[in-house]
Amino acid sequence: MNITIRKIGNSEGIIIPKDVLDRMGVKAGDEVTLTSEGGKLILTASDGDFDRQLKHAEKFMDRYKVALKKLAE
């Protein structure tokens, strides 16, 4: 499947066909994660609960980094 990169304001973007979105289980307004690996773009559906938990874990680890470091010794 070939998709053309289009100019959108000051940015550039692509239009993802609806059947691809349906297979991913996402719709307009949903958040997705875009990563690149070996010259490839990888688009995955975001798990809102996981992302929220990860943010809390990062705050916890930052706040208690000294204690966590001591526990790891």
N, C-alpha and C. Protein backbone atom coordinates (compact mmCIF):
# COMPACT_ATOMS: atom_id res chain seq x y z
N MET A 1 0.85 -1.16 0.00
CA MET A 1 0.00 0.00 0.00
C MET A 1 0.90 1.23 0.00
N ASN A 2 0.75 2.11 -0.96
CA ASN A 2 1.50 3.35 -1.04
C ASN A 2 0.64 4.50 -0.55
N ILE A 3 1.23 5.33 0.30
CA ILE A 3 0.55 6.50 0.84
C ILE A 3 1.43 7.70 0.59
N THR A 4 0.84 8.81 0.18
CA THR A 4 1.58 10.02 -0.13
C THR A 4 1.65 10.92 1.09
N ILE A 5 2.83 11.47 1.36
CA ILE A 5 2.98 12.45 2.42
C ILE A 5 2.45 13.78 1.91
N ARG A 6 1.58 14.42 2.68
CA ARG A 6 0.91 15.65 2.26
C ARG A 6 1.28 16.81 3.18
N LYS A 7 1.23 17.99 2.64
CA LYS A 7 1.47 19.21 3.41
C LYS A 7 0.19 19.54 4.18
N ILE A 8 0.35 19.75 5.50
CA ILE A 8 -0.78 20.10 6.36
C ILE A 8 -0.33 21.29 7.19
N GLY A 9 -0.69 22.50 6.78
CA GLY A 9 -0.22 23.70 7.47
C GLY A 9 1.29 23.78 7.36
N ASN A 10 1.95 23.94 8.51
CA ASN A 10 3.41 23.98 8.54
C ASN A 10 4.02 22.60 8.74
N SER A 11 3.18 21.59 8.79
CA SER A 11 3.65 20.22 9.02
C SER A 11 3.40 19.37 7.78
N GLU A 12 3.74 18.11 7.90
CA GLU A 12 3.45 17.14 6.86
C GLU A 12 2.81 15.94 7.51
N GLY A 13 1.96 15.24 6.78
CA GLY A 13 1.27 14.11 7.37
C GLY A 13 0.79 13.12 6.33
N ILE A 14 0.17 12.06 6.82
CA ILE A 14 -0.40 11.04 5.94
C ILE A 14 -1.85 10.81 6.34
N ILE A 15 -2.61 10.29 5.41
CA ILE A 15 -3.98 9.88 5.70
C ILE A 15 -3.97 8.36 5.76
N ILE A 16 -4.43 7.83 6.89
CA ILE A 16 -4.44 6.38 7.09
C ILE A 16 -5.81 5.86 6.68
N PRO A 17 -5.86 4.90 5.76
CA PRO A 17 -7.15 4.36 5.31
C PRO A 17 -7.96 3.78 6.48
N LYS A 18 -9.28 3.92 6.39
CA LYS A 18 -10.17 3.47 7.46
C LYS A 18 -10.03 1.99 7.75
N ASP A 19 -9.83 1.16 6.74
CA ASP A 19 -9.71 -0.28 7.00
C ASP A 19 -8.46 -0.59 7.82
N VAL A 20 -7.40 0.18 7.67
CA VAL A 20 -6.20 -0.01 8.48
C VAL A 20 -6.49 0.38 9.92
N LEU A 21 -7.18 1.51 10.11
CA LEU A 21 -7.55 1.94 11.46
C LEU A 21 -8.46 0.92 12.14
N ASP A 22 -9.39 0.36 11.37
CA ASP A 22 -10.30 -0.66 11.91
C ASP A 22 -9.52 -1.88 12.38
N ARG A 23 -8.52 -2.31 11.60
CA ARG A 23 -7.71 -3.47 11.98
C ARG A 23 -6.89 -3.18 13.23
N MET A 24 -6.48 -1.93 13.41
CA MET A 24 -5.73 -1.54 14.60
C MET A 24 -6.63 -1.35 15.81
N GLY A 25 -7.92 -1.19 15.56
CA GLY A 25 -8.87 -0.96 16.64
C GLY A 25 -8.86 0.47 17.15
N VAL A 26 -8.53 1.43 16.27
CA VAL A 26 -8.52 2.84 16.65
C VAL A 26 -9.46 3.62 15.74
N LYS A 27 -9.82 4.82 16.22
CA LYS A 27 -10.70 5.69 15.44
C LYS A 27 -10.23 7.13 15.61
N ALA A 28 -10.84 8.03 14.90
CA ALA A 28 -10.49 9.45 15.00
C ALA A 28 -10.58 9.90 16.44
N GLY A 29 -9.55 10.60 16.93
CA GLY A 29 -9.52 11.09 18.30
C GLY A 29 -8.75 10.20 19.25
N ASP A 30 -8.51 8.93 18.88
CA ASP A 30 -7.73 8.04 19.74
C ASP A 30 -6.26 8.41 19.65
N GLU A 31 -5.51 8.10 20.71
CA GLU A 31 -4.08 8.35 20.72
C GLU A 31 -3.35 7.11 20.24
N VAL A 32 -2.30 7.33 19.46
CA VAL A 32 -1.44 6.25 18.99
C VAL A 32 0.01 6.63 19.31
N THR A 33 0.87 5.64 19.31
CA THR A 33 2.29 5.87 19.56
C THR A 33 3.05 5.61 18.27
N LEU A 34 3.92 6.55 17.90
CA LEU A 34 4.72 6.43 16.69
C LEU A 34 6.18 6.27 17.08
N THR A 35 6.80 5.19 16.64
CA THR A 35 8.22 4.96 16.88
C THR A 35 8.88 4.65 15.55
N SER A 36 10.19 4.79 15.52
CA SER A 36 10.92 4.43 14.31
C SER A 36 11.99 3.41 14.68
N GLU A 37 12.18 2.46 13.79
CA GLU A 37 13.13 1.39 14.05
C GLU A 37 13.69 0.89 12.73
N GLY A 38 14.97 1.06 12.54
CA GLY A 38 15.60 0.56 11.32
C GLY A 38 15.03 1.16 10.05
N GLY A 39 14.72 2.45 10.06
CA GLY A 39 14.18 3.09 8.88
C GLY A 39 12.69 2.84 8.65
N LYS A 40 12.03 2.23 9.62
CA LYS A 40 10.59 1.95 9.51
C LYS A 40 9.85 2.75 10.57
N LEU A 41 8.66 3.19 10.24
CA LEU A 41 7.77 3.83 11.21
C LEU A 41 6.81 2.78 11.74
N ILE A 42 6.64 2.75 13.05
CA ILE A 42 5.76 1.77 13.68
C ILE A 42 4.69 2.53 14.44
N LEU A 43 3.45 2.29 14.08
CA LEU A 43 2.29 2.95 14.68
C LEU A 43 1.54 1.92 15.52
N THR A 44 1.40 2.20 16.82
CA THR A 44 0.67 1.28 17.69
C THR A 44 -0.40 2.03 18.48
N ALA A 45 -1.47 1.34 18.76
CA ALA A 45 -2.55 1.93 19.55
C ALA A 45 -2.05 2.13 20.97
N SER A 46 -2.30 3.31 21.55
CA SER A 46 -1.86 3.60 22.91
C SER A 46 -2.85 3.00 23.90
N ASP A 47 -2.30 2.52 24.99
CA ASP A 47 -3.12 2.03 26.10
C ASP A 47 -3.15 3.13 27.15
N GLY A 48 -4.23 3.87 27.23
CA GLY A 48 -4.35 5.02 28.12
C GLY A 48 -4.05 4.69 29.57
N ASP A 49 -4.54 3.55 30.06
CA ASP A 49 -4.29 3.16 31.45
C ASP A 49 -2.81 2.92 31.68
N PHE A 50 -2.16 2.23 30.75
CA PHE A 50 -0.73 1.95 30.89
C PHE A 50 0.07 3.24 30.88
N ASP A 51 -0.25 4.14 29.95
CA ASP A 51 0.47 5.42 29.88
C ASP A 51 0.33 6.21 31.18
N ARG A 52 -0.87 6.22 31.75
CA ARG A 52 -1.12 6.93 33.01
C ARG A 52 -0.31 6.30 34.13
N GLN A 53 -0.29 4.98 34.20
CA GLN A 53 0.47 4.28 35.23
C GLN A 53 1.97 4.52 35.08
N LEU A 54 2.43 4.55 33.85
CA LEU A 54 3.85 4.79 33.59
C LEU A 54 4.27 6.18 34.05
N LYS A 55 3.44 7.18 33.82
CA LYS A 55 3.74 8.54 34.29
C LYS A 55 3.85 8.59 35.81
N HIS A 56 2.93 7.90 36.50
CA HIS A 56 2.99 7.86 37.96
C HIS A 56 4.24 7.13 38.43
N ALA A 57 4.60 6.05 37.77
CA ALA A 57 5.80 5.30 38.14
C ALA A 57 7.05 6.15 37.95
N GLU A 58 7.10 6.92 36.86
CA GLU A 58 8.27 7.79 36.62
C GLU A 58 8.38 8.86 37.70
N LYS A 59 7.26 9.44 38.12
CA LYS A 59 7.27 10.43 39.21
C LYS A 59 7.77 9.79 40.50
N PHE A 60 7.27 8.60 40.80
CA PHE A 60 7.67 7.88 42.01
C PHE A 60 9.17 7.60 41.99
N MET A 61 9.67 7.09 40.85
CA MET A 61 11.09 6.75 40.75
C MET A 61 11.96 7.99 40.87
N ASP A 62 11.51 9.10 40.32
CA ASP A 62 12.27 10.34 40.41
C ASP A 62 12.30 10.84 41.86
N ARG A 63 11.17 10.77 42.53
CA ARG A 63 11.07 11.26 43.91
C ARG A 63 11.92 10.41 44.86
N TYR A 64 11.93 9.11 44.67
CA TYR A 64 12.60 8.19 45.59
C TYR A 64 13.83 7.53 44.96
N LYS A 65 14.52 8.22 44.06
CA LYS A 65 15.65 7.61 43.36
C LYS A 65 16.78 7.21 44.29
N VAL A 66 17.04 7.99 45.34
CA VAL A 66 18.11 7.65 46.28
C VAL A 66 17.75 6.36 47.03
N ALA A 67 16.53 6.27 47.54
CA ALA A 67 16.10 5.09 48.26
C ALA A 67 16.09 3.86 47.35
N LEU A 68 15.63 4.02 46.13
CA LEU A 68 15.61 2.89 45.19
C LEU A 68 17.02 2.44 44.86
N LYS A 69 17.94 3.37 44.75
CA LYS A 69 19.33 3.03 44.46
C LYS A 69 19.92 2.23 45.61
N LYS A 70 19.63 2.66 46.87
CA LYS A 70 20.11 1.93 48.05
C LYS A 70 19.51 0.53 48.11
N LEU A 71 18.25 0.39 47.77
CA LEU A 71 17.61 -0.92 47.78
C LEU A 71 18.22 -1.85 46.73
N ALA A 72 18.68 -1.27 45.63
CA ALA A 72 19.24 -2.07 44.55
C ALA A 72 20.65 -2.58 44.89
N GLU A 73 21.30 -1.97 45.87
CA GLU A 73 22.67 -2.39 46.23
C GLU A 73 22.71 -3.70 46.96
